[in-house]
C-alpha cells in the first residue's frame, strides 16, 4: 500500500481495537501452579495507548482470553473498553462501533491470528504483526516492524498520531525538540 494511502487511513482513526495475546504480549501464556495466567506486556505499548487516549482516540481490547491478568493490565492503563472471552471478535467490534457511533473507516484494529480476520477485513486501518499468518498479512494495510509484546502497538499508535499531526506535540512534551520535524516511518507492504 502506498504510504499516502496508509496516512489517509490513519488520519480517520477514532478507535483502535487490539487483540491481547500475540499483539500486546508475545503470545506465550504462563500458567502458575494455582492455575492463574501470567502475561508479559511491553511498557512501550502502554505509553502508546495512553497517548492515543490522551489525543481523543478510544482504545479497546478485544480478546478471547478471560484471564484476570488482562483485566488487571487494562485497569492499570485506564483501558475501560476491555472485552474478554470473545471468540467472535467481529460481534464485539460491531458493538463498540455502534456505542461510539463510528463508521468502519474510523476504526483501526491490530490482531495476530485468524480470530482477528473478520475485523481486519472490515476496519479502515488493519494492522498485524510479523509473525501473523499469511491470511492476515495479505489483508492488512500495515505490518509492524515490532513483534507482538515488543512495541507493535506503540509503533501503530505513533503512525496514527503522526498522520493526525498529534505525535510531535506529545514527543515535544518529553523534550524531543526534533519531534516537530519528524516524519512517520512507514513500512511498505
Protein backbone atom coordinates (compact mmCIF):
# COMPACT_ATOMS: atom_id res chain seq x y z
CA UNK A 1 0.00 0.00 0.00
CA UNK A 2 1.40 3.41 -0.87
CA UNK A 3 2.40 5.48 2.14
CA UNK A 4 -0.04 8.25 1.22
CA UNK A 5 -2.98 5.81 1.30
CA UNK A 6 -1.84 4.49 4.67
CA UNK A 7 -1.65 8.02 6.08
CA UNK A 8 -5.13 8.84 4.76
CA UNK A 9 -6.48 5.77 6.55
CA UNK A 10 -4.60 6.66 9.76
CA UNK A 11 -5.98 10.23 9.75
CA UNK A 12 -9.53 8.88 10.04
CA UNK A 13 -8.93 6.67 13.09
CA UNK A 14 -11.06 7.39 16.17
CA UNK A 15 -10.94 3.85 17.65
CA UNK A 16 -8.06 1.40 17.93
CA UNK A 17 -9.06 -2.10 18.96
CA UNK A 18 -6.31 -4.52 19.94
CA UNK A 19 -6.05 -8.23 20.35
CA UNK A 20 -4.12 -9.14 23.51
CA UNK A 21 -2.28 -12.47 23.19
CA UNK A 22 0.24 -12.14 20.35
CA UNK A 23 -0.21 -8.36 19.99
CA UNK A 24 0.08 -6.82 23.45
CA UNK A 25 2.02 -9.90 24.55
CA UNK A 26 4.38 -12.22 22.70
CA UNK A 27 1.64 -14.84 22.61
CA UNK A 28 3.08 -17.04 25.31
CA UNK A 29 0.88 -17.83 28.28
CA UNK A 30 2.48 -18.74 31.57
CA UNK A 31 0.29 -20.81 33.89
CA UNK A 32 1.04 -20.66 37.61
CA UNK A 33 0.58 -23.66 39.90
CA UNK A 34 -2.72 -22.20 41.12
CA UNK A 35 -4.00 -22.10 37.52
CA UNK A 36 -3.76 -18.34 37.09
CA UNK A 37 -2.25 -16.94 33.91
CA UNK A 38 0.76 -14.66 33.78
CA UNK A 39 1.42 -12.40 30.79
CA UNK A 40 4.25 -10.02 29.95
CA UNK A 41 3.32 -6.66 28.41
CA UNK A 42 5.52 -4.01 26.83
CA UNK A 43 5.71 -0.63 28.55
CA UNK A 44 6.21 0.87 25.08
CA UNK A 45 2.72 -0.26 24.09
CA UNK A 46 1.29 1.06 27.34
CA UNK A 47 2.58 4.56 26.73
CA UNK A 48 1.41 4.47 23.11
CA UNK A 49 -2.13 3.58 24.20
CA UNK A 50 -2.09 6.35 26.81
CA UNK A 51 -1.04 8.82 24.10
CA UNK A 52 -3.92 7.69 21.88
CA UNK A 53 -6.45 8.09 24.69
CA UNK A 54 -5.00 11.48 25.63
CA UNK A 55 -5.37 12.53 21.98
CA UNK A 56 -9.06 11.59 21.86
CA UNK A 57 -8.71 8.17 20.22
CA UNK A 58 -10.54 5.40 22.04
CA UNK A 59 -8.52 2.26 22.76
CA UNK A 60 -10.32 -1.05 23.26
CA UNK A 61 -9.10 -4.59 23.82
CA UNK A 62 -10.95 -7.49 22.22
CA UNK A 63 -9.58 -10.85 23.27
CA UNK A 64 -10.54 -14.47 23.50
CA UNK A 65 -8.76 -14.63 26.85
CA UNK A 66 -10.72 -14.41 30.09
CA UNK A 67 -7.58 -14.15 32.22
CA UNK A 68 -7.62 -11.84 35.21
CA UNK A 69 -4.14 -10.70 34.12
CA UNK A 70 -5.78 -8.99 31.10
CA UNK A 71 -8.28 -7.11 33.28
CA UNK A 72 -5.52 -6.04 35.69
CA UNK A 73 -3.31 -4.63 32.91
CA UNK A 74 -6.24 -2.88 31.23
CA UNK A 75 -7.21 -1.26 34.54
CA UNK A 76 -3.62 -0.16 35.16
CA UNK A 77 -3.57 1.60 31.79
CA UNK A 78 -7.07 3.04 32.14
CA UNK A 79 -8.44 0.99 29.24
CA UNK A 80 -12.15 0.94 30.07
CA UNK A 81 -13.23 -0.98 26.99
CA UNK A 82 -11.81 -4.41 27.78
CA UNK A 83 -13.84 -7.15 26.10
CA UNK A 84 -12.61 -10.56 27.26
CA UNK A 85 -13.67 -14.11 26.45
CA UNK A 86 -14.79 -13.21 22.92
CA UNK A 87 -14.41 -15.94 20.36
CA UNK A 88 -16.35 -13.84 17.86
CA UNK A 89 -14.39 -10.61 17.79
CA UNK A 90 -16.48 -9.14 15.00
CA UNK A 91 -19.59 -9.01 17.21
CA UNK A 92 -17.66 -7.20 19.95
CA UNK A 93 -16.15 -4.79 17.42
CA UNK A 94 -19.53 -4.03 15.86
CA UNK A 95 -20.97 -3.35 19.32
CA UNK A 96 -18.11 -0.95 20.10
CA UNK A 97 -18.63 0.84 16.78
CA UNK A 98 -22.34 1.20 17.49
CA UNK A 99 -21.74 2.52 21.03
CA UNK A 100 -19.27 5.09 19.71
CA UNK A 101 -21.29 5.87 16.54
CA UNK A 102 -18.27 5.23 14.30
CA UNK A 103 -18.05 4.13 10.70
CA UNK A 104 -15.71 1.22 9.86
CA UNK A 105 -13.33 3.70 8.17
CA UNK A 106 -12.85 5.43 11.54
CA UNK A 107 -11.65 2.23 13.18
CA UNK A 108 -8.23 0.59 13.31
CA UNK A 109 -7.61 -2.94 14.54
CA UNK A 110 -4.41 -4.85 15.24
CA UNK A 111 -4.52 -8.62 15.53
CA UNK A 112 -2.19 -11.53 15.04
CA UNK A 113 -4.28 -14.60 14.24
CA UNK A 114 -7.32 -15.91 12.41
CA UNK A 115 -9.92 -14.87 15.05
CA UNK A 116 -8.99 -11.27 14.12
CA UNK A 117 -9.53 -11.74 10.39
CA UNK A 118 -13.21 -10.70 10.27
CA UNK A 119 -12.35 -7.36 11.90
CA UNK A 120 -9.18 -6.92 9.81
CA UNK A 121 -11.16 -7.08 6.55
CA UNK A 122 -13.81 -4.59 7.73
CA UNK A 123 -11.92 -1.83 9.53
CA UNK A 124 -10.48 1.27 7.93
CA UNK A 125 -6.91 0.64 9.08
CA UNK A 126 -5.97 -3.01 9.54
CA UNK A 127 -2.64 -3.88 11.13
CA UNK A 128 -0.87 -7.05 12.10
CA UNK A 129 2.49 -8.22 13.41
CA UNK A 130 5.32 -10.01 11.57
CA UNK A 131 4.51 -13.47 12.99
CA UNK A 132 0.86 -13.36 11.84
CA UNK A 133 -0.42 -15.94 9.36
CA UNK A 134 -0.25 -15.05 5.68
CA UNK A 135 -4.04 -14.63 5.57
CA UNK A 136 -3.77 -11.63 7.92
CA UNK A 137 -0.63 -10.19 6.37
CA UNK A 138 -2.24 -10.23 2.90
CA UNK A 139 -5.27 -8.30 4.10
CA UNK A 140 -3.58 -5.89 6.50
CA UNK A 141 -2.84 -2.35 5.43
CA UNK A 142 0.19 -2.32 7.72
CA UNK A 143 2.53 -4.94 9.15
CA UNK A 144 4.51 -3.62 12.09
CA UNK A 145 8.26 -3.98 12.30
CA UNK A 146 8.00 -4.74 16.01
CA UNK A 147 6.70 -8.09 17.15
CA UNK A 148 3.72 -8.55 19.42
CA UNK A 149 4.63 -7.80 23.02
CA UNK A 150 7.66 -5.79 21.86
CA UNK A 151 6.21 -2.43 20.85
CA UNK A 152 3.94 -3.27 17.90
CA UNK A 153 1.02 -1.27 19.31
CA UNK A 154 3.31 1.66 20.11
CA UNK A 155 4.52 1.62 16.51
CA UNK A 156 0.94 1.70 15.23
CA UNK A 157 -0.01 4.41 17.74
CA UNK A 158 2.86 6.59 16.56
CA UNK A 159 1.82 6.10 12.93
CA UNK A 160 -1.77 7.13 13.70
CA UNK A 161 -0.75 10.09 15.84
CA UNK A 162 1.81 11.30 13.30
CA UNK A 163 -0.75 11.10 10.50
CA UNK A 164 -3.14 13.16 12.60
CA UNK A 165 -0.47 15.75 13.43
CA UNK A 166 -0.53 14.92 17.16
CA UNK A 167 2.69 12.97 17.69
CA UNK A 168 5.14 15.86 17.58
CA UNK A 169 3.40 17.71 20.39
CA UNK A 170 3.37 14.56 22.54
CA UNK A 171 7.08 13.94 21.95
CA UNK A 172 7.93 17.60 22.44
CA UNK A 173 6.42 17.37 25.95
CA UNK A 174 9.29 14.96 26.76
CA UNK A 175 11.89 17.40 25.47
CA UNK A 176 12.22 15.94 21.97
CA UNK A 177 12.74 19.24 20.13
CA UNK A 178 13.33 17.41 16.84
CA UNK A 179 9.87 15.85 17.02
CA UNK A 180 8.26 18.74 15.19
CA UNK A 181 10.27 17.98 12.05
CA UNK A 182 9.91 14.19 12.28
CA UNK A 183 8.07 12.29 9.58
CA UNK A 184 6.43 8.93 10.29
CA UNK A 185 8.47 5.94 9.15
CA UNK A 186 6.19 3.65 7.20
CA UNK A 187 6.73 0.07 6.22
CA UNK A 188 5.62 -0.67 2.70
CA UNK A 189 3.72 -3.86 2.03
